[in-house]
Amino acid sequence: MSLEAEVSAMLSDYAAAVEKAVEEIVPKTTDTAYLLRWFGQPVFRYSPESLTEGLSKPFWELFRRGGKRWRPALTLITYEALGGKASDIYQAAAIPEIIHNATLIVDDVEDGSLYRRGGPCIHRIYGVDVAVNAGNAFYYIPVYLVAKQTDETKAGKLLEKYVEMMVKLSLGQTMDIVWHRGLVTDVTEEHYLQMACFKTGALSRFAVELAAIYAGRLELLTDLGRFGEAVGVAFQIQDDYLNIFGDEAKYGKEIGGDITEGKHTLMTVYALRHLPPEKSKRLREILSMHTSEQNMIAEAIQLIKQSGAGEYARNVSKKIISEAWAQIDPLLPPSEAKEKLNKLATFLVERTL
């Protein structure tokens, strides 16, 4: 069995339990019993129908379309590698996945995107106001509900790391937006990697930190957190790679979408600095156009390919994972879960979908 097939099967093993936990936190239909359980008696009167329309339906419209669910798997496998039982923390593991989907809803509004996971973006179905509000709500709801069920010491650390993650995520999104709008153009490789640390790495870092917190292994929090962060950065680099060089049928997204958005990725940064001046200028022009014309997108992809940026990016992502694993390898005792964790990290930088 190939690594991709093995890890895909592994993710499927966790997905059903995680999705059940997600539904406990975000019911498909909000009712009064749910509201009474989590928010107590209303001062006046609840309107569960309104919350179903404005929160549950938009969230599940996106969530039911799928996704790799690797972030909750990262939490659960790390927890198992620390000697825990995955079923004890399904709801905690659902937090990063719910927040991730919330970021997608809001990102699509900010980017003016049309499609996500094979269907119209949530703001195109429900409106910008509903989408932004639902996305914002699900930044907070899962951690609030899970923290209420967690003992005071662990809940305190959970909330501390959650706030840290959300701040970093916002900083990364700011950098990404400013760059693709052309407000800052002198972007280096180090700038890009820091953006990825914030925008993608912060959430995967939090996913791993959850495992350490619930396992009571705070002495490993920093080292394991750095590993989770590295996994997120490497995942982002590979995602950027697939957006340019992937098989659209496997990738599940439109190839070249990052060209249309004018995004600065590790590959575009590398290409702009290593192409001959005229070709570099042309690539920058195409990125600034935010074009949807296929011939221009193909031209930009060809320029990126000519620069050798694709191979360079893949080597960087593999190096990031290799170095991160070397740091935590001595910290985790041999186990089946440790092997699964290594395979998951490797898969995320070698995947084709």
Protein backbone atom coordinates (compact mmCIF):
# COMPACT_ATOMS: atom_id res chain seq x y z
CA MET A 1 0.00 0.00 0.00
CA SER A 2 1.34 3.45 -0.90
CA LEU A 3 1.95 6.06 1.78
CA GLU A 4 -0.87 8.18 0.35
CA ALA A 5 -3.33 5.29 0.48
CA GLU A 6 -2.18 4.27 3.97
CA VAL A 7 -2.51 7.75 5.43
CA SER A 8 -5.81 8.39 3.65
CA ALA A 9 -7.18 5.24 5.28
CA MET A 10 -5.77 6.35 8.62
CA LEU A 11 -7.45 9.75 8.33
CA SER A 12 -10.73 8.04 7.47
CA ASP A 13 -10.47 5.99 10.66
CA TYR A 14 -10.49 9.17 12.73
CA ALA A 15 -12.87 11.20 10.56
CA ALA A 16 -16.18 9.66 11.62
CA ALA A 17 -15.51 10.16 15.33
CA VAL A 18 -14.29 13.70 14.75
CA GLU A 19 -17.33 14.59 12.65
CA LYS A 20 -19.60 13.27 15.39
CA ALA A 21 -17.76 15.49 17.89
CA VAL A 22 -18.11 18.44 15.53
CA GLU A 23 -21.87 17.89 15.42
CA GLU A 24 -22.02 17.85 19.22
CA ILE A 25 -20.42 21.29 19.21
CA VAL A 26 -22.16 22.62 16.08
CA PRO A 27 -25.51 20.83 15.75
CA LYS A 28 -27.01 20.70 12.28
CA THR A 29 -30.20 22.07 13.78
CA THR A 30 -29.90 24.34 16.81
CA ASP A 31 -32.63 23.67 19.38
CA THR A 32 -33.58 25.08 22.75
CA ALA A 33 -32.10 22.14 24.66
CA TYR A 34 -28.66 22.86 23.14
CA LEU A 35 -28.91 26.53 24.05
CA LEU A 36 -30.05 25.80 27.60
CA ARG A 37 -27.23 23.30 28.09
CA TRP A 38 -24.47 25.66 27.05
CA PHE A 39 -25.80 29.15 27.66
CA GLY A 40 -28.30 28.70 30.48
CA GLN A 41 -31.74 30.19 30.83
CA PRO A 42 -32.43 33.08 28.45
CA VAL A 43 -33.10 36.51 29.89
CA PHE A 44 -36.05 36.76 27.52
CA ARG A 45 -36.47 34.07 24.82
CA TYR A 46 -34.14 32.10 22.57
CA SER A 47 -34.66 31.90 18.81
CA PRO A 48 -33.08 28.57 17.87
CA GLU A 49 -34.50 28.81 14.35
CA SER A 50 -32.49 31.98 13.75
CA LEU A 51 -29.28 30.30 14.90
CA THR A 52 -29.96 27.31 12.68
CA GLU A 53 -30.37 29.58 9.66
CA GLY A 54 -27.46 31.90 10.44
CA LEU A 55 -24.91 29.51 11.98
CA SER A 56 -25.67 25.81 11.61
CA LYS A 57 -26.72 25.80 7.97
CA PRO A 58 -23.81 27.88 6.61
CA PHE A 59 -21.26 25.87 8.59
CA TRP A 60 -22.58 22.47 7.55
CA GLU A 61 -22.97 23.56 3.95
CA LEU A 62 -19.19 23.84 3.82
CA PHE A 63 -18.24 21.12 6.31
CA ARG A 64 -20.26 18.38 4.61
CA ARG A 65 -18.28 18.92 1.38
CA GLY A 66 -15.35 17.16 2.95
CA GLY A 67 -11.73 18.04 3.62
CA LYS A 68 -8.71 16.06 4.68
CA ARG A 69 -9.43 16.35 8.43
CA TRP A 70 -5.69 16.08 9.08
CA ARG A 71 -5.64 18.67 11.86
CA PRO A 72 -7.85 16.71 14.28
CA ALA A 73 -5.96 13.57 13.31
CA LEU A 74 -2.74 15.38 14.23
CA THR A 75 -4.18 16.10 17.69
CA LEU A 76 -5.42 12.56 18.23
CA ILE A 77 -2.30 10.77 16.99
CA THR A 78 -0.03 13.02 19.05
CA TYR A 79 -2.21 12.35 22.11
CA GLU A 80 -1.91 8.60 21.47
CA ALA A 81 1.85 8.95 21.06
CA LEU A 82 1.86 10.52 24.53
CA GLY A 83 0.04 7.49 25.95
CA GLY A 84 -3.53 8.77 25.76
CA LYS A 85 -6.71 7.27 24.34
CA ALA A 86 -8.06 9.17 21.33
CA SER A 87 -11.70 8.75 22.33
CA ASP A 88 -11.07 10.83 25.47
CA ILE A 89 -10.44 14.02 23.49
CA TYR A 90 -12.58 13.87 20.35
CA GLN A 91 -14.27 17.17 21.14
CA ALA A 92 -10.97 18.93 21.84
CA ALA A 93 -9.59 17.57 18.57
CA ALA A 94 -12.61 19.00 16.76
CA ILE A 95 -11.68 22.58 17.77
CA PRO A 96 -8.97 23.16 15.13
CA GLU A 97 -11.14 21.63 12.39
CA ILE A 98 -14.10 23.87 13.21
CA ILE A 99 -11.87 26.95 13.36
CA HIS A 100 -10.18 25.94 10.11
CA ASN A 101 -13.54 25.79 8.34
CA ALA A 102 -14.47 29.15 9.85
CA THR A 103 -11.30 30.68 8.41
CA LEU A 104 -12.20 29.32 4.97
CA ILE A 105 -15.61 31.00 5.10
CA VAL A 106 -14.06 34.36 6.00
CA ASP A 107 -11.05 34.00 3.67
CA ASP A 108 -13.37 33.41 0.72
CA VAL A 109 -15.14 36.69 1.45
CA GLU A 110 -11.82 38.55 1.74
CA ASP A 111 -10.48 36.98 -1.45
CA GLY A 112 -13.69 37.39 -3.43
CA SER A 113 -13.59 33.66 -4.18
CA LEU A 114 -16.37 31.94 -6.09
CA TYR A 115 -15.98 28.25 -5.29
CA ARG A 116 -14.80 26.12 -2.39
CA ARG A 117 -14.66 22.32 -2.27
CA GLY A 118 -16.69 21.86 -5.41
CA GLY A 119 -19.52 24.26 -4.57
CA PRO A 120 -20.27 27.97 -4.35
CA CYS A 121 -18.58 29.79 -1.48
CA ILE A 122 -20.74 30.29 1.58
CA HIS A 123 -21.11 34.04 1.04
CA ARG A 124 -22.51 33.38 -2.44
CA ILE A 125 -25.25 31.18 -0.97
CA TYR A 126 -26.10 32.97 2.27
CA GLY A 127 -24.73 36.47 1.74
CA VAL A 128 -21.62 38.24 2.99
CA ASP A 129 -23.22 39.29 6.29
CA VAL A 130 -24.23 35.75 7.26
CA ALA A 131 -20.90 34.28 6.10
CA VAL A 132 -18.71 36.74 7.98
CA ASN A 133 -20.77 36.45 11.15
CA ALA A 134 -20.85 32.63 11.02
CA GLY A 135 -17.12 32.46 10.37
CA ASN A 136 -16.42 34.79 13.29
CA ALA A 137 -18.79 32.89 15.58
CA PHE A 138 -17.04 29.59 14.96
CA TYR A 139 -13.69 31.08 15.90
CA TYR A 140 -15.03 31.17 19.45
CA ILE A 141 -17.85 28.69 19.95
CA PRO A 142 -15.84 25.42 19.94
CA VAL A 143 -13.16 26.52 22.38
CA TYR A 144 -15.78 28.10 24.65
CA LEU A 145 -17.84 24.91 24.85
CA VAL A 146 -14.87 22.55 25.25
CA ALA A 147 -13.22 24.76 27.88
CA LYS A 148 -16.45 24.64 29.94
CA GLN A 149 -16.02 20.86 30.18
CA THR A 150 -12.30 20.91 30.99
CA ASP A 151 -10.73 21.15 34.43
CA GLU A 152 -9.58 24.62 35.44
CA THR A 153 -5.83 24.10 35.00
CA LYS A 154 -6.06 22.57 31.55
CA ALA A 155 -8.76 25.03 30.50
CA GLY A 156 -6.52 27.94 31.44
CA LYS A 157 -3.66 26.67 29.28
CA LEU A 158 -6.11 25.79 26.50
CA LEU A 159 -7.45 29.35 26.41
CA GLU A 160 -3.97 30.85 26.58
CA LYS A 161 -2.78 28.84 23.59
CA TYR A 162 -6.04 29.46 21.73
CA VAL A 163 -5.71 33.24 22.01
CA GLU A 164 -2.05 33.03 20.95
CA MET A 165 -3.05 30.97 17.91
CA MET A 166 -5.85 33.34 16.87
CA VAL A 167 -3.57 36.38 17.10
CA LYS A 168 -0.91 34.68 14.98
CA LEU A 169 -3.50 33.53 12.46
CA SER A 170 -4.72 37.12 12.07
CA LEU A 171 -1.17 38.41 11.63
CA GLY A 172 -0.51 35.85 8.90
CA GLN A 173 -3.74 36.67 7.10
CA THR A 174 -2.83 40.35 7.23
CA MET A 175 0.51 39.70 5.56
CA ASP A 176 -1.08 37.54 2.88
CA ILE A 177 -3.76 40.13 2.05
CA VAL A 178 -1.34 43.04 1.95
CA TRP A 179 0.98 41.16 -0.39
CA HIS A 180 -1.60 40.02 -2.91
CA ARG A 181 -3.09 43.51 -2.99
CA GLY A 182 0.36 44.83 -3.89
CA LEU A 183 0.63 47.14 -0.89
CA VAL A 184 4.04 45.62 -0.08
CA THR A 185 6.01 44.02 -2.91
CA ASP A 186 9.50 43.37 -1.52
CA VAL A 187 8.67 39.93 -0.11
CA THR A 188 11.53 37.58 0.69
CA GLU A 189 11.59 33.85 1.35
CA GLU A 190 11.92 34.53 5.07
CA HIS A 191 8.88 36.82 4.95
CA TYR A 192 6.85 34.12 3.23
CA LEU A 193 7.89 31.42 5.70
CA GLN A 194 6.95 33.65 8.62
CA MET A 195 3.58 34.35 7.06
CA ALA A 196 3.04 30.60 6.68
CA CYS A 197 4.10 30.07 10.32
CA PHE A 198 1.35 32.45 11.35
CA LYS A 199 -1.43 31.72 8.87
CA THR A 200 -1.18 27.93 8.60
CA GLY A 201 1.40 26.88 11.19
CA ALA A 202 -0.36 28.50 14.14
CA LEU A 203 -3.46 26.32 13.79
CA SER A 204 -1.53 23.06 13.34
CA ARG A 205 0.71 24.08 16.24
CA PHE A 206 -2.42 24.56 18.36
CA ALA A 207 -3.67 21.12 17.26
CA VAL A 208 -0.52 19.52 18.68
CA GLU A 209 -0.51 21.74 21.77
CA LEU A 210 -4.01 20.47 22.57
CA ALA A 211 -2.62 16.93 22.74
CA ALA A 212 0.17 17.97 25.11
CA ILE A 213 -2.25 19.93 27.32
CA TYR A 214 -4.77 17.11 27.64
CA ALA A 215 -2.00 14.53 28.16
CA GLY A 216 -0.65 16.65 31.02
CA ARG A 217 2.74 16.93 29.29
CA LEU A 218 3.32 20.67 29.48
CA GLU A 219 7.09 20.15 29.56
CA LEU A 220 6.78 19.04 25.91
CA LEU A 221 4.44 21.85 24.89
CA THR A 222 7.06 24.02 23.20
CA ASP A 223 8.91 21.27 21.34
CA LEU A 224 5.76 19.51 20.18
CA GLY A 225 4.22 22.86 19.28
CA ARG A 226 7.18 23.68 17.03
CA PHE A 227 6.71 20.33 15.30
CA GLY A 228 3.03 21.08 14.69
CA GLU A 229 3.94 24.51 13.36
CA ALA A 230 6.49 22.98 10.97
CA VAL A 231 3.88 20.53 9.72
CA GLY A 232 1.58 23.45 8.93
CA VAL A 233 4.27 25.40 7.07
CA ALA A 234 5.30 22.38 5.03
CA PHE A 235 1.66 21.63 4.27
CA GLN A 236 1.17 25.19 3.00
CA ILE A 237 4.23 25.00 0.76
CA GLN A 238 2.97 21.74 -0.74
CA ASP A 239 -0.53 23.22 -1.15
CA ASP A 240 0.99 26.14 -3.05
CA TYR A 241 2.98 23.67 -5.17
CA LEU A 242 -0.13 21.65 -6.04
CA ASN A 243 -1.98 24.85 -6.97
CA ILE A 244 0.59 25.35 -9.74
CA PHE A 245 1.79 21.87 -10.65
CA GLY A 246 -0.93 19.56 -9.32
CA ASP A 247 -3.40 17.33 -11.11
CA GLU A 248 -6.66 19.26 -10.97
CA ALA A 249 -8.73 16.08 -10.80
CA LYS A 250 -6.81 14.96 -7.69
CA TYR A 251 -6.15 18.37 -6.16
CA GLY A 252 -9.83 19.29 -6.07
CA LYS A 253 -9.21 22.98 -6.71
CA GLU A 254 -8.70 25.08 -9.80
CA ILE A 255 -5.07 24.97 -10.89
CA GLY A 256 -3.52 28.44 -10.96
CA GLY A 257 -5.95 30.03 -8.53
CA ASP A 258 -3.02 31.54 -6.63
CA ILE A 259 -1.95 33.30 -9.85
CA THR A 260 -5.40 34.88 -10.17
CA GLU A 261 -5.26 36.03 -6.56
CA GLY A 262 -1.75 37.40 -7.08
CA LYS A 263 -0.48 35.48 -4.08
CA HIS A 264 3.11 35.52 -2.95
CA THR A 265 4.13 31.92 -2.40
CA LEU A 266 7.55 30.42 -1.84
CA MET A 267 7.60 29.59 -5.54
CA THR A 268 6.67 33.06 -6.82
CA VAL A 269 9.14 34.68 -4.42
CA TYR A 270 11.87 32.34 -5.65
CA ALA A 271 10.94 32.81 -9.30
CA LEU A 272 10.84 36.60 -9.09
CA ARG A 273 14.36 36.61 -7.65
CA HIS A 274 15.91 33.98 -9.94
CA LEU A 275 14.36 34.60 -13.35
CA PRO A 276 16.13 36.92 -15.78
CA PRO A 277 14.99 40.56 -15.27
CA GLU A 278 12.54 40.68 -18.18
CA LYS A 279 10.89 37.39 -17.25
CA SER A 280 10.75 38.38 -13.60
CA LYS A 281 9.08 41.65 -14.59
CA ARG A 282 6.54 39.75 -16.71
CA LEU A 283 5.67 37.37 -13.87
CA ARG A 284 5.18 40.31 -11.52
CA GLU A 285 2.89 41.96 -14.11
CA ILE A 286 0.72 38.87 -14.43
CA LEU A 287 0.44 38.48 -10.66
CA SER A 288 -0.62 42.13 -10.32
CA MET A 289 -3.37 41.69 -12.93
CA HIS A 290 -5.35 39.14 -10.86
CA THR A 291 -6.24 37.62 -14.21
CA SER A 292 -8.55 34.68 -14.84
CA GLU A 293 -7.39 34.32 -18.46
CA GLN A 294 -6.05 30.81 -18.90
CA ASN A 295 -3.33 31.79 -21.35
CA MET A 296 -1.84 34.27 -18.88
CA ILE A 297 -2.12 31.81 -16.00
CA ALA A 298 -0.35 29.21 -18.16
CA GLU A 299 2.35 31.76 -19.00
CA ALA A 300 2.94 32.50 -15.31
CA ILE A 301 3.10 28.79 -14.49
CA GLN A 302 5.64 28.29 -17.27
CA LEU A 303 7.79 31.12 -15.90
CA ILE A 304 7.66 29.60 -12.41
CA LYS A 305 8.61 26.22 -13.87
CA GLN A 306 11.54 27.73 -15.79
CA SER A 307 12.93 29.24 -12.59
CA GLY A 308 13.17 25.86 -10.87
CA ALA A 309 10.93 27.15 -8.08
CA GLY A 310 8.79 24.01 -7.92
CA GLU A 311 11.66 21.69 -7.13
CA TYR A 312 13.12 24.24 -4.73
CA ALA A 313 9.83 24.56 -2.81
CA ARG A 314 9.44 20.81 -2.48
CA ASN A 315 12.96 20.47 -1.14
CA VAL A 316 12.30 23.23 1.42
CA SER A 317 9.11 21.56 2.67
CA LYS A 318 10.82 18.17 3.00
CA LYS A 319 13.72 19.76 4.89
CA ILE A 320 11.34 21.52 7.29
CA ILE A 321 9.61 18.24 8.14
CA SER A 322 12.88 16.29 8.41
CA GLU A 323 14.38 18.81 10.83
CA ALA A 324 11.18 19.08 12.88
CA TRP A 325 10.91 15.30 13.24
CA ALA A 326 14.53 15.06 14.31
CA GLN A 327 13.72 17.40 17.20
CA ILE A 328 10.78 15.41 18.58
CA ASP A 329 11.92 11.88 17.73
CA PRO A 330 13.90 11.52 20.99
CA LEU A 331 10.98 12.91 23.02
CA LEU A 332 8.44 10.25 22.09
CA PRO A 333 8.79 6.59 23.06
CA PRO A 334 8.52 3.99 20.29
CA SER A 335 4.89 3.14 19.52
CA GLU A 336 2.47 2.54 16.69
CA ALA A 337 1.10 6.05 17.21
CA LYS A 338 4.58 7.56 16.82
CA GLU A 339 4.97 5.75 13.51
CA LYS A 340 1.57 7.05 12.41
CA LEU A 341 2.57 10.57 13.35
CA ASN A 342 5.72 10.34 11.24
CA LYS A 343 3.76 8.95 8.29
CA LEU A 344 1.17 11.72 8.55
CA ALA A 345 3.84 14.43 8.56
CA THR A 346 5.60 12.83 5.59
CA PHE A 347 2.34 12.44 3.67
CA LEU A 348 1.48 16.11 4.06
CA VAL A 349 4.57 17.13 2.06
CA GLU A 350 4.39 14.32 -0.49
CA ARG A 351 0.64 14.27 -1.17
CA THR A 352 -0.83 14.82 -4.61
CA LEU A 353 -4.31 15.79 -3.38
